[in-house]
Amino acid sequence: MPKIKTKSSVKKRFKVTGSGRIKAGRAFTSHMMMNKPKKMKRKARRTGVLCAADARIVLRSWLPYNRKNKNKAAHKKTAANGGN
């Protein structure tokens, strides 16, 4: 089976958190900022976490090797606690 390529533009736009969620920059911040309210500009400074539906699209289509397997993570956690 051939390797799947990661989309280069997606590597630059998104980051995967430790828990497997996707962080992305906010939209509508490139130009005409004088027409936008202060609250919108203030909130757009920081990155946001994508909703589950959008994160699934990003991970499935463009970041194939950044997917987290929830069963593996749960298994490692129980093994670290002595199997309890």
N, C-alpha and C. Protein backbone atom coordinates (compact mmCIF):
# COMPACT_ATOMS: atom_id res chain seq x y z
N MET A 1 0.85 -1.18 0.00
CA MET A 1 0.00 0.00 0.00
C MET A 1 0.90 1.25 0.00
N PRO A 2 0.68 2.17 -0.93
CA PRO A 2 1.53 3.37 -0.97
C PRO A 2 1.23 4.32 0.18
N LYS A 3 2.20 5.13 0.50
CA LYS A 3 2.02 6.13 1.54
C LYS A 3 1.09 7.23 1.05
N ILE A 4 0.37 7.84 1.97
CA ILE A 4 -0.53 8.94 1.65
C ILE A 4 0.21 10.24 1.91
N LYS A 5 0.13 11.17 0.98
CA LYS A 5 0.81 12.44 1.16
C LYS A 5 -0.04 13.40 1.98
N THR A 6 0.62 14.13 2.88
CA THR A 6 -0.03 15.19 3.64
C THR A 6 -0.08 16.43 2.77
N LYS A 7 -1.22 17.11 2.76
CA LYS A 7 -1.38 18.32 1.96
C LYS A 7 -0.49 19.43 2.54
N SER A 8 0.40 19.99 1.72
CA SER A 8 1.38 20.97 2.21
C SER A 8 0.74 22.24 2.75
N SER A 9 -0.33 22.70 2.12
CA SER A 9 -0.97 23.92 2.59
C SER A 9 -1.65 23.71 3.94
N VAL A 10 -2.10 22.50 4.21
CA VAL A 10 -2.77 22.21 5.48
C VAL A 10 -1.76 22.17 6.62
N LYS A 11 -0.55 21.74 6.35
CA LYS A 11 0.50 21.73 7.37
C LYS A 11 0.74 23.12 7.92
N LYS A 12 0.60 24.13 7.05
CA LYS A 12 0.87 25.50 7.45
C LYS A 12 -0.32 26.16 8.15
N ARG A 13 -1.53 25.69 7.89
CA ARG A 13 -2.74 26.35 8.38
C ARG A 13 -3.32 25.76 9.65
N PHE A 14 -3.06 24.49 9.92
CA PHE A 14 -3.67 23.81 11.05
C PHE A 14 -2.62 23.16 11.93
N LYS A 15 -2.93 23.05 13.22
CA LYS A 15 -2.09 22.33 14.18
C LYS A 15 -2.98 21.36 14.93
N VAL A 16 -2.44 20.20 15.26
CA VAL A 16 -3.19 19.21 16.02
C VAL A 16 -2.75 19.30 17.48
N THR A 17 -3.71 19.41 18.39
CA THR A 17 -3.41 19.51 19.81
C THR A 17 -3.08 18.13 20.36
N GLY A 18 -2.67 18.09 21.61
CA GLY A 18 -2.34 16.82 22.24
C GLY A 18 -3.52 15.89 22.36
N SER A 19 -4.71 16.45 22.49
CA SER A 19 -5.91 15.62 22.61
C SER A 19 -6.50 15.26 21.26
N GLY A 20 -5.88 15.74 20.16
CA GLY A 20 -6.34 15.36 18.84
C GLY A 20 -7.27 16.35 18.18
N ARG A 21 -7.52 17.49 18.83
CA ARG A 21 -8.37 18.51 18.21
C ARG A 21 -7.53 19.37 17.27
N ILE A 22 -8.21 20.12 16.40
CA ILE A 22 -7.53 20.90 15.37
C ILE A 22 -7.64 22.39 15.70
N LYS A 23 -6.48 23.08 15.75
CA LYS A 23 -6.44 24.52 15.95
C LYS A 23 -6.26 25.19 14.59
N ALA A 24 -6.96 26.31 14.40
CA ALA A 24 -6.86 27.05 13.14
C ALA A 24 -7.00 28.54 13.41
N GLY A 25 -6.47 29.34 12.50
CA GLY A 25 -6.61 30.78 12.61
C GLY A 25 -8.02 31.22 12.23
N ARG A 26 -8.38 32.41 12.63
CA ARG A 26 -9.71 32.93 12.36
C ARG A 26 -9.80 33.52 10.95
N ALA A 27 -11.00 33.54 10.42
CA ALA A 27 -11.24 34.09 9.09
C ALA A 27 -11.57 35.58 9.17
N PHE A 28 -11.62 36.23 8.03
CA PHE A 28 -12.04 37.63 7.87
C PHE A 28 -11.12 38.60 8.61
N THR A 29 -9.79 38.40 8.54
CA THR A 29 -8.87 39.30 9.23
C THR A 29 -7.80 39.88 8.31
N SER A 30 -7.98 39.77 7.01
CA SER A 30 -6.90 40.18 6.12
C SER A 30 -6.99 41.63 5.64
N HIS A 31 -8.19 42.15 5.47
CA HIS A 31 -8.29 43.53 4.97
C HIS A 31 -9.64 44.13 5.39
N MET A 32 -9.76 45.44 5.21
CA MET A 32 -10.97 46.20 5.56
C MET A 32 -11.33 46.04 7.03
N MET A 33 -10.33 46.12 7.88
CA MET A 33 -10.57 45.93 9.31
C MET A 33 -11.27 47.13 9.95
N MET A 34 -11.23 48.29 9.31
CA MET A 34 -11.89 49.45 9.90
C MET A 34 -13.41 49.30 9.86
N ASN A 35 -13.92 48.40 9.04
CA ASN A 35 -15.37 48.19 8.94
C ASN A 35 -15.87 47.10 9.88
N LYS A 36 -14.99 46.52 10.63
CA LYS A 36 -15.37 45.41 11.51
C LYS A 36 -15.37 45.89 12.96
N PRO A 37 -16.26 45.35 13.77
CA PRO A 37 -16.34 45.80 15.17
C PRO A 37 -15.10 45.40 15.98
N LYS A 38 -14.84 46.15 17.06
CA LYS A 38 -13.68 45.89 17.90
C LYS A 38 -13.71 44.49 18.48
N LYS A 39 -14.88 44.07 18.89
CA LYS A 39 -15.01 42.75 19.51
C LYS A 39 -14.61 41.65 18.53
N MET A 40 -14.99 41.78 17.29
CA MET A 40 -14.65 40.79 16.27
C MET A 40 -13.14 40.75 16.03
N LYS A 41 -12.52 41.93 15.98
CA LYS A 41 -11.07 41.99 15.75
C LYS A 41 -10.31 41.42 16.95
N ARG A 42 -10.80 41.68 18.13
CA ARG A 42 -10.15 41.19 19.34
C ARG A 42 -10.22 39.66 19.41
N LYS A 43 -11.37 39.11 19.09
CA LYS A 43 -11.53 37.66 19.14
C LYS A 43 -10.77 36.96 18.01
N ALA A 44 -10.55 37.68 16.91
CA ALA A 44 -9.88 37.08 15.77
C ALA A 44 -8.37 37.00 15.94
N ARG A 45 -7.82 37.61 16.98
CA ARG A 45 -6.37 37.56 17.20
C ARG A 45 -5.90 36.16 17.53
N ARG A 46 -6.70 35.45 18.27
CA ARG A 46 -6.27 34.13 18.73
C ARG A 46 -6.78 33.04 17.79
N THR A 47 -6.19 31.88 17.92
CA THR A 47 -6.63 30.74 17.12
C THR A 47 -7.83 30.10 17.78
N GLY A 48 -8.57 29.36 17.00
CA GLY A 48 -9.74 28.68 17.52
C GLY A 48 -9.66 27.20 17.24
N VAL A 49 -10.51 26.45 17.90
CA VAL A 49 -10.57 25.00 17.69
C VAL A 49 -11.72 24.72 16.74
N LEU A 50 -11.46 23.90 15.74
CA LEU A 50 -12.50 23.57 14.77
C LEU A 50 -13.57 22.69 15.39
N CYS A 51 -14.78 22.78 14.86
CA CYS A 51 -15.85 21.90 15.33
C CYS A 51 -15.54 20.48 14.87
N ALA A 52 -16.22 19.51 15.45
CA ALA A 52 -15.92 18.10 15.19
C ALA A 52 -16.08 17.73 13.72
N ALA A 53 -17.10 18.28 13.07
CA ALA A 53 -17.35 17.95 11.67
C ALA A 53 -16.22 18.45 10.76
N ASP A 54 -15.79 19.70 10.98
CA ASP A 54 -14.70 20.25 10.17
C ASP A 54 -13.37 19.57 10.47
N ALA A 55 -13.14 19.26 11.74
CA ALA A 55 -11.90 18.59 12.12
C ALA A 55 -11.81 17.22 11.47
N ARG A 56 -12.93 16.53 11.39
CA ARG A 56 -12.94 15.20 10.76
C ARG A 56 -12.57 15.30 9.29
N ILE A 57 -13.08 16.33 8.60
CA ILE A 57 -12.75 16.53 7.18
C ILE A 57 -11.26 16.79 7.02
N VAL A 58 -10.72 17.67 7.86
CA VAL A 58 -9.30 18.01 7.76
C VAL A 58 -8.44 16.78 8.01
N LEU A 59 -8.74 16.04 9.05
CA LEU A 59 -7.92 14.88 9.40
C LEU A 59 -8.04 13.76 8.37
N ARG A 60 -9.23 13.49 7.91
CA ARG A 60 -9.41 12.38 6.97
C ARG A 60 -8.80 12.69 5.61
N SER A 61 -9.00 13.92 5.13
CA SER A 61 -8.61 14.24 3.76
C SER A 61 -7.17 14.68 3.62
N TRP A 62 -6.68 15.47 4.58
CA TRP A 62 -5.41 16.15 4.35
C TRP A 62 -4.32 15.86 5.36
N LEU A 63 -4.64 15.38 6.55
CA LEU A 63 -3.62 15.07 7.56
C LEU A 63 -3.76 13.60 7.99
N PRO A 64 -3.45 12.69 7.11
CA PRO A 64 -3.72 11.28 7.42
C PRO A 64 -2.88 10.72 8.56
N TYR A 65 -1.70 11.28 8.81
CA TYR A 65 -0.82 10.71 9.84
C TYR A 65 -0.92 11.44 11.18
N ASN A 66 -1.82 12.39 11.30
CA ASN A 66 -2.01 13.10 12.57
C ASN A 66 -3.27 12.65 13.30
N ARG A 67 -3.91 11.61 12.81
CA ARG A 67 -5.13 11.13 13.45
C ARG A 67 -4.79 10.42 14.74
N LYS A 68 -5.62 10.62 15.74
CA LYS A 68 -5.45 9.94 17.02
C LYS A 68 -6.40 8.76 17.07
N ASN A 69 -5.91 7.63 17.55
CA ASN A 69 -6.78 6.48 17.75
C ASN A 69 -7.19 6.49 19.21
N LYS A 70 -8.46 6.73 19.48
CA LYS A 70 -8.92 6.89 20.85
C LYS A 70 -8.79 5.59 21.64
N ASN A 71 -8.95 4.45 20.98
CA ASN A 71 -8.83 3.17 21.69
C ASN A 71 -7.39 2.94 22.15
N LYS A 72 -6.42 3.31 21.33
CA LYS A 72 -5.01 3.16 21.71
C LYS A 72 -4.68 4.03 22.91
N ALA A 73 -5.17 5.27 22.89
CA ALA A 73 -4.90 6.20 23.98
C ALA A 73 -5.49 5.69 25.28
N ALA A 74 -6.70 5.16 25.23
CA ALA A 74 -7.35 4.63 26.43
C ALA A 74 -6.59 3.41 26.94
N HIS A 75 -6.11 2.58 26.03
CA HIS A 75 -5.38 1.38 26.41
C HIS A 75 -4.06 1.74 27.08
N LYS A 76 -3.36 2.73 26.55
CA LYS A 76 -2.09 3.17 27.14
C LYS A 76 -2.32 3.73 28.55
N LYS A 77 -3.41 4.48 28.71
CA LYS A 77 -3.70 5.08 30.00
C LYS A 77 -3.97 4.02 31.06
N THR A 78 -4.72 2.99 30.71
CA THR A 78 -5.01 1.93 31.68
C THR A 78 -3.77 1.10 31.96
N ALA A 79 -2.92 0.90 30.97
CA ALA A 79 -1.69 0.15 31.19
C ALA A 79 -0.74 0.91 32.11
N ALA A 80 -0.72 2.24 32.00
CA ALA A 80 0.14 3.05 32.85
C ALA A 80 -0.34 3.05 34.30
N ASN A 81 -1.64 2.87 34.51
CA ASN A 81 -2.20 2.85 35.86
C ASN A 81 -2.17 1.47 36.48
N GLY A 82 -1.55 0.52 35.85
CA GLY A 82 -1.46 -0.83 36.40
C GLY A 82 -2.63 -1.71 36.01
N GLY A 83 -3.37 -1.33 34.96
CA GLY A 83 -4.47 -2.15 34.48
C GLY A 83 -5.76 -1.98 35.25
N ASN A 84 -5.86 -0.98 36.11
CA ASN A 84 -7.10 -0.78 36.88
C ASN A 84 -8.08 0.06 36.13
